[in-house]
Amino acid sequence: MDSTLDAAALASALATGPAPVLLDIRWRLGGPPGVERYREGHLPGAQFVDLDRDLAGPPGAGGRHPRPDTAAFEAAMRRAGVSDDRPVVVYDENDSTAAARAWWLLRYFGHPQVQVLDGGYQTWLAADQPIETGPAPVPAAGTFTARPGHLPLLDADGAARMARDGVLLDARAAERYRGEVEPADPVAGHIPAAVSAPTTGNLGPEGRFLDPEALRDRFTRLGAGDAEHGGPRGAITTGVYCGSGVTAAHEVLALTIAGIPAALYLGSWSDWITDPARPIATGPVPA
């Protein structure tokens, strides 16, 4: 199953069945809550999922958006009607940043059929597809069983090793990487030897992912998937982080589309800086 689908393919799936569960993940760092946009209009039958509440644990030592507790995530997905044997399609407003967080968590916790609506709600509107307003009916409870460990995950030590021995991509805006600004965390800069790779470079002008060849070319130029970074056959040599593990999931999705396996440092920069002994770099991309 491809990791993304377009509006036409989703409309066909909804019309011919079996219909996937639709999850609306509209979210913006600092608000306002995405549920407001959801009530103004959403895909028919879609359930709103709150990224801060349902797709992250409480902020703390693990960062601003740490991995949710397994039982809590399972309960949130069941409330939204998610079951193991029914496909899931997730979407956000446009650029798939928040939707990719849901995609990554569902895949990490073992759901086998998860796709992102490429271009999100706006591409659905542009295709003149139907919408609903207000709250959706409460769905029948799902039967999803969360089983962690189905996608590779890095901690701080693993991220440092990846930066040293492989390629660690920083998915934040370039000015945050360089340490010139930091709107969300108390310390600016980046993990030493990480490579700047803003998620904006994964998208075309309409907020949809570039085609697989273009993405692979982009990441190859950044060193991702480069055989020189070696390791045993099949070893993952690319890692990704961001501010708190949200946009980094978008980068992992883009790498997946490109055919390059990658591990996610879920705590990301907001976790890295909780230990003052960890080194911090500033300035431009390393040579």
Protein backbone atom coordinates (compact mmCIF):
# COMPACT_ATOMS: atom_id res chain seq x y z
CA MET A 1 0.00 0.00 0.00
CA ASP A 2 1.30 3.45 -0.93
CA SER A 3 1.79 5.86 1.98
CA THR A 4 -0.25 8.63 0.32
CA LEU A 5 -3.27 8.88 -1.93
CA ASP A 6 -4.96 11.70 -3.83
CA ALA A 7 -8.52 13.01 -3.57
CA ALA A 8 -9.77 10.99 -6.55
CA ALA A 9 -8.48 7.72 -5.11
CA LEU A 10 -10.01 8.48 -1.72
CA ALA A 11 -13.36 9.41 -3.25
CA SER A 12 -13.34 6.11 -5.13
CA ALA A 13 -12.55 4.16 -1.96
CA LEU A 14 -15.37 5.89 -0.10
CA ALA A 15 -17.81 5.18 -2.92
CA THR A 16 -16.95 1.55 -3.59
CA GLY A 17 -15.85 0.35 -0.14
CA PRO A 18 -14.75 -0.93 2.14
CA ALA A 19 -14.57 2.69 3.28
CA PRO A 20 -11.51 3.68 5.32
CA VAL A 21 -11.71 5.37 8.69
CA LEU A 22 -11.04 9.09 8.17
CA LEU A 23 -9.10 11.03 10.80
CA ASP A 24 -8.87 14.83 10.69
CA ILE A 25 -5.57 15.95 12.26
CA ARG A 26 -5.71 19.68 11.67
CA TRP A 27 -3.29 21.38 14.05
CA ARG A 28 -1.07 24.43 14.27
CA LEU A 29 1.84 25.04 16.64
CA GLY A 30 0.57 27.53 19.21
CA GLY A 31 -3.07 27.15 18.10
CA PRO A 32 -5.85 27.91 17.57
CA PRO A 33 -7.21 24.37 18.15
CA GLY A 34 -7.78 22.49 14.94
CA VAL A 35 -11.23 21.38 16.08
CA GLU A 36 -12.51 24.85 15.16
CA ARG A 37 -11.55 24.34 11.51
CA TYR A 38 -12.94 20.80 11.69
CA ARG A 39 -16.37 22.08 12.73
CA GLU A 40 -16.38 24.56 9.87
CA GLY A 41 -15.95 21.72 7.41
CA HIS A 42 -14.47 18.22 7.18
CA LEU A 43 -14.58 15.10 5.05
CA PRO A 44 -17.83 13.14 5.49
CA GLY A 45 -17.65 10.91 8.56
CA ALA A 46 -14.16 12.05 9.56
CA GLN A 47 -13.34 12.06 13.27
CA PHE A 48 -11.25 14.88 14.73
CA VAL A 49 -8.06 13.77 16.50
CA ASP A 50 -6.25 16.31 18.67
CA LEU A 51 -2.50 16.13 18.11
CA ASP A 52 -1.54 17.57 21.50
CA ARG A 53 -3.96 15.37 23.43
CA ASP A 54 -4.16 12.13 21.40
CA LEU A 55 -0.88 11.93 19.48
CA ALA A 56 1.56 12.94 22.22
CA GLY A 57 2.25 12.34 25.87
CA PRO A 58 2.47 15.15 28.43
CA PRO A 59 5.38 17.54 27.71
CA GLY A 60 8.40 17.12 29.93
CA ALA A 61 11.82 15.50 29.91
CA GLY A 62 10.97 13.66 26.68
CA GLY A 63 10.25 16.90 24.83
CA ARG A 64 7.20 18.95 23.92
CA HIS A 65 5.45 16.10 22.05
CA PRO A 66 6.81 12.82 23.44
CA ARG A 67 5.47 9.45 22.36
CA PRO A 68 2.04 8.81 23.86
CA ASP A 69 1.58 5.98 26.32
CA THR A 70 0.65 2.80 24.47
CA ALA A 71 -2.65 2.29 26.31
CA ALA A 72 -3.61 5.95 25.94
CA PHE A 73 -2.93 5.92 22.19
CA GLU A 74 -4.86 2.70 21.74
CA ALA A 75 -7.84 4.15 23.61
CA ALA A 76 -7.76 7.38 21.54
CA MET A 77 -7.71 5.45 18.27
CA ARG A 78 -10.52 3.15 19.39
CA ARG A 79 -12.63 6.18 20.30
CA ALA A 80 -12.10 7.42 16.76
CA GLY A 81 -13.31 4.10 15.33
CA VAL A 82 -9.92 2.68 14.30
CA SER A 83 -9.64 -1.11 13.99
CA ASP A 84 -6.76 -3.31 12.89
CA ASP A 85 -8.60 -4.72 9.88
CA ARG A 86 -9.91 -1.48 8.38
CA PRO A 87 -7.81 1.00 6.39
CA VAL A 88 -7.18 4.46 7.84
CA VAL A 89 -6.72 7.73 5.93
CA VAL A 90 -5.42 10.75 7.80
CA TYR A 91 -5.41 14.36 6.63
CA ASP A 92 -4.78 17.90 7.80
CA GLU A 93 -5.40 21.32 6.27
CA ASN A 94 -2.90 21.14 3.42
CA ASP A 95 0.76 20.22 3.82
CA SER A 96 0.49 16.85 5.67
CA THR A 97 2.68 18.01 8.58
CA ALA A 98 0.20 17.04 11.31
CA ALA A 99 -1.25 14.13 9.33
CA ALA A 100 2.22 12.60 9.04
CA ARG A 101 2.48 12.51 12.84
CA ALA A 102 -0.69 10.35 12.95
CA TRP A 103 0.59 8.22 10.04
CA TRP A 104 3.88 7.59 11.82
CA LEU A 105 2.30 6.73 15.18
CA LEU A 106 -0.26 4.37 13.68
CA ARG A 107 2.47 2.61 11.71
CA TYR A 108 4.79 2.54 14.74
CA PHE A 109 2.03 0.97 16.83
CA GLY A 110 1.40 -1.67 14.20
CA HIS A 111 -1.53 -0.60 12.03
CA PRO A 112 -0.88 -2.14 8.59
CA GLN A 113 -3.00 0.13 6.36
CA VAL A 114 -2.48 3.85 6.88
CA GLN A 115 -2.37 6.53 4.18
CA VAL A 116 -2.11 10.31 4.12
CA LEU A 117 -4.41 12.36 1.89
CA ASP A 118 -1.80 14.24 -0.12
CA GLY A 119 -2.70 17.93 -0.08
CA GLY A 120 -5.17 17.48 2.78
CA TYR A 121 -8.52 19.17 3.17
CA GLN A 122 -7.70 21.81 0.58
CA THR A 123 -7.10 19.28 -2.17
CA TRP A 124 -10.44 17.65 -1.29
CA LEU A 125 -12.19 21.00 -1.67
CA ALA A 126 -10.35 21.72 -4.92
CA ALA A 127 -11.65 18.42 -6.30
CA ASP A 128 -15.20 19.58 -5.54
CA GLN A 129 -15.82 16.69 -3.17
CA PRO A 130 -18.56 16.80 -0.49
CA ILE A 131 -17.96 17.99 3.06
CA GLU A 132 -19.83 18.02 6.36
CA THR A 133 -19.95 20.65 9.08
CA GLY A 134 -20.35 20.50 12.83
CA PRO A 135 -19.46 17.50 15.00
CA ALA A 136 -19.50 14.05 13.45
CA PRO A 137 -21.64 11.25 14.93
CA VAL A 138 -19.84 9.21 17.56
CA PRO A 139 -18.47 6.16 15.72
CA ALA A 140 -18.71 2.56 16.86
CA ALA A 141 -15.71 1.82 19.05
CA GLY A 142 -12.76 0.41 17.17
CA THR A 143 -10.74 -2.66 18.03
CA PHE A 144 -7.24 -1.37 17.27
CA THR A 145 -4.49 -3.01 19.33
CA ALA A 146 -1.39 -0.84 19.80
CA ARG A 147 1.82 -2.86 19.51
CA PRO A 148 4.86 -0.55 19.67
CA GLY A 149 8.06 -1.01 17.72
CA HIS A 150 7.03 -1.36 14.08
CA LEU A 151 9.07 1.64 12.91
CA PRO A 152 12.64 2.56 13.93
CA LEU A 153 12.98 5.05 16.76
CA LEU A 154 15.99 7.00 18.05
CA ASP A 155 16.73 8.37 21.50
CA ALA A 156 19.24 11.17 22.13
CA ASP A 157 22.25 8.83 22.16
CA GLY A 158 21.04 7.16 18.98
CA ALA A 159 20.61 10.54 17.30
CA ALA A 160 24.17 11.50 18.22
CA ARG A 161 25.48 8.23 16.78
CA MET A 162 23.45 8.70 13.61
CA ALA A 163 24.87 12.20 13.15
CA ARG A 164 28.37 10.80 13.57
CA ASP A 165 28.14 7.51 11.65
CA GLY A 166 25.25 8.07 9.21
CA VAL A 167 23.13 11.08 8.25
CA LEU A 168 20.92 12.95 10.71
CA LEU A 169 18.51 15.36 9.00
CA ASP A 170 17.14 18.43 10.78
CA ALA A 171 13.64 19.02 9.43
CA ARG A 172 13.16 22.51 10.93
CA ALA A 173 13.40 25.80 9.05
CA ALA A 174 16.98 26.66 8.12
CA GLU A 175 17.12 29.72 10.39
CA ARG A 176 16.21 27.56 13.39
CA TYR A 177 18.89 25.06 12.40
CA ARG A 178 21.47 27.82 12.22
CA GLY A 179 20.41 29.11 15.66
CA GLU A 180 19.36 32.54 14.40
CA VAL A 181 15.82 32.24 15.80
CA GLU A 182 14.03 29.80 18.09
CA PRO A 183 10.29 30.39 18.47
CA ALA A 184 9.40 27.29 20.48
CA ASP A 185 12.33 26.13 22.63
CA PRO A 186 14.53 27.95 25.16
CA VAL A 187 17.82 27.10 23.40
CA ALA A 188 18.69 27.66 19.74
CA GLY A 189 20.97 25.66 17.47
CA HIS A 190 21.21 22.09 16.20
CA ILE A 191 22.68 18.69 17.00
CA PRO A 192 26.35 18.70 15.94
CA ALA A 193 26.95 17.17 12.48
CA ALA A 194 23.23 17.17 11.63
CA VAL A 195 22.29 18.30 8.13
CA SER A 196 19.68 21.00 7.47
CA ALA A 197 16.75 19.59 5.47
CA PRO A 198 13.61 21.71 5.97
CA THR A 199 10.34 19.91 5.28
CA THR A 200 9.29 22.70 2.92
CA GLY A 201 11.68 21.14 0.41
CA ASN A 202 9.52 17.99 0.31
CA LEU A 203 6.54 19.80 -1.18
CA GLY A 204 5.45 21.37 -4.43
CA PRO A 205 3.65 24.72 -4.70
CA GLU A 206 0.22 23.25 -3.86
CA GLY A 207 1.34 21.63 -0.62
CA ARG A 208 1.58 18.16 -2.10
CA PHE A 209 4.62 15.89 -1.94
CA LEU A 210 7.09 15.94 -4.80
CA ASP A 211 7.15 12.76 -6.86
CA PRO A 212 9.31 9.87 -5.57
CA GLU A 213 12.17 10.52 -7.97
CA ALA A 214 12.43 14.19 -7.03
CA LEU A 215 12.33 13.34 -3.33
CA ARG A 216 14.97 10.67 -3.74
CA ASP A 217 17.19 13.12 -5.63
CA ARG A 218 16.77 15.69 -2.85
CA PHE A 219 17.63 13.28 -0.06
CA THR A 220 20.48 11.65 -1.94
CA ARG A 221 22.07 15.08 -2.39
CA LEU A 222 21.78 15.53 1.38
CA GLY A 223 23.52 12.18 1.94
CA ALA A 224 20.48 10.13 2.99
CA GLY A 225 20.55 6.55 1.86
CA ASP A 226 24.18 7.00 0.77
CA ALA A 227 25.98 3.65 0.71
CA GLU A 228 29.12 5.35 2.01
CA HIS A 229 27.39 5.62 5.39
CA GLY A 230 27.28 1.86 5.26
CA GLY A 231 26.78 -0.37 8.23
CA PRO A 232 25.50 -3.95 7.88
CA ARG A 233 23.28 -4.79 4.94
CA GLY A 234 19.78 -3.52 5.70
CA ALA A 235 20.95 -1.19 8.47
CA ILE A 236 19.21 2.16 8.67
CA THR A 237 21.72 4.95 8.13
CA THR A 238 19.38 7.96 8.06
CA GLY A 239 17.71 9.63 11.03
CA VAL A 240 15.44 12.68 11.32
CA TYR A 241 14.60 15.16 14.06
CA CYS A 242 12.86 18.52 14.32
CA GLY A 243 11.63 20.64 17.24
CA SER A 244 9.35 18.11 18.91
CA GLY A 245 8.88 15.17 16.54
CA VAL A 246 6.02 16.52 14.40
CA THR A 247 7.66 17.87 11.25
CA ALA A 248 10.29 15.13 11.52
CA ALA A 249 7.51 12.58 10.95
CA HIS A 250 6.68 14.49 7.74
CA GLU A 251 10.32 14.06 6.69
CA VAL A 252 10.20 10.33 7.46
CA LEU A 253 7.06 10.08 5.31
CA ALA A 254 8.80 11.91 2.46
CA LEU A 255 11.80 9.57 2.80
CA THR A 256 9.44 6.59 2.73
CA ILE A 257 7.90 7.88 -0.51
CA ALA A 258 11.44 8.16 -1.85
CA GLY A 259 12.20 4.57 -0.86
CA ILE A 260 14.72 5.49 1.85
CA PRO A 261 14.18 3.96 5.32
CA ALA A 262 14.73 6.39 8.19
CA ALA A 263 14.55 6.41 11.98
CA LEU A 264 12.75 9.16 13.91
CA TYR A 265 14.17 10.94 16.95
CA LEU A 266 10.77 11.52 18.45
CA GLY A 267 11.85 13.75 21.35
CA SER A 268 13.88 15.84 18.88
CA TRP A 269 15.42 19.21 19.76
CA SER A 270 13.05 19.81 22.68
CA ASP A 271 14.37 16.60 24.27
CA TRP A 272 18.01 17.11 23.27
CA ILE A 273 18.30 20.40 25.14
CA THR A 274 16.93 19.01 28.42
CA ASP A 275 20.45 17.70 29.21
CA PRO A 276 22.93 20.61 29.44
CA ALA A 277 25.79 18.17 28.85
CA ARG A 278 24.68 17.52 25.28
CA PRO A 279 26.60 19.64 22.76
CA ILE A 280 24.93 22.32 20.64
CA ALA A 281 26.07 23.66 17.29
CA THR A 282 25.09 26.82 15.45
CA GLY A 283 25.81 28.23 12.04
CA PRO A 284 25.37 26.93 8.49
CA VAL A 285 25.13 23.44 7.10
CA PRO A 286 28.25 21.31 7.77
CA ALA A 287 30.43 20.52 4.79
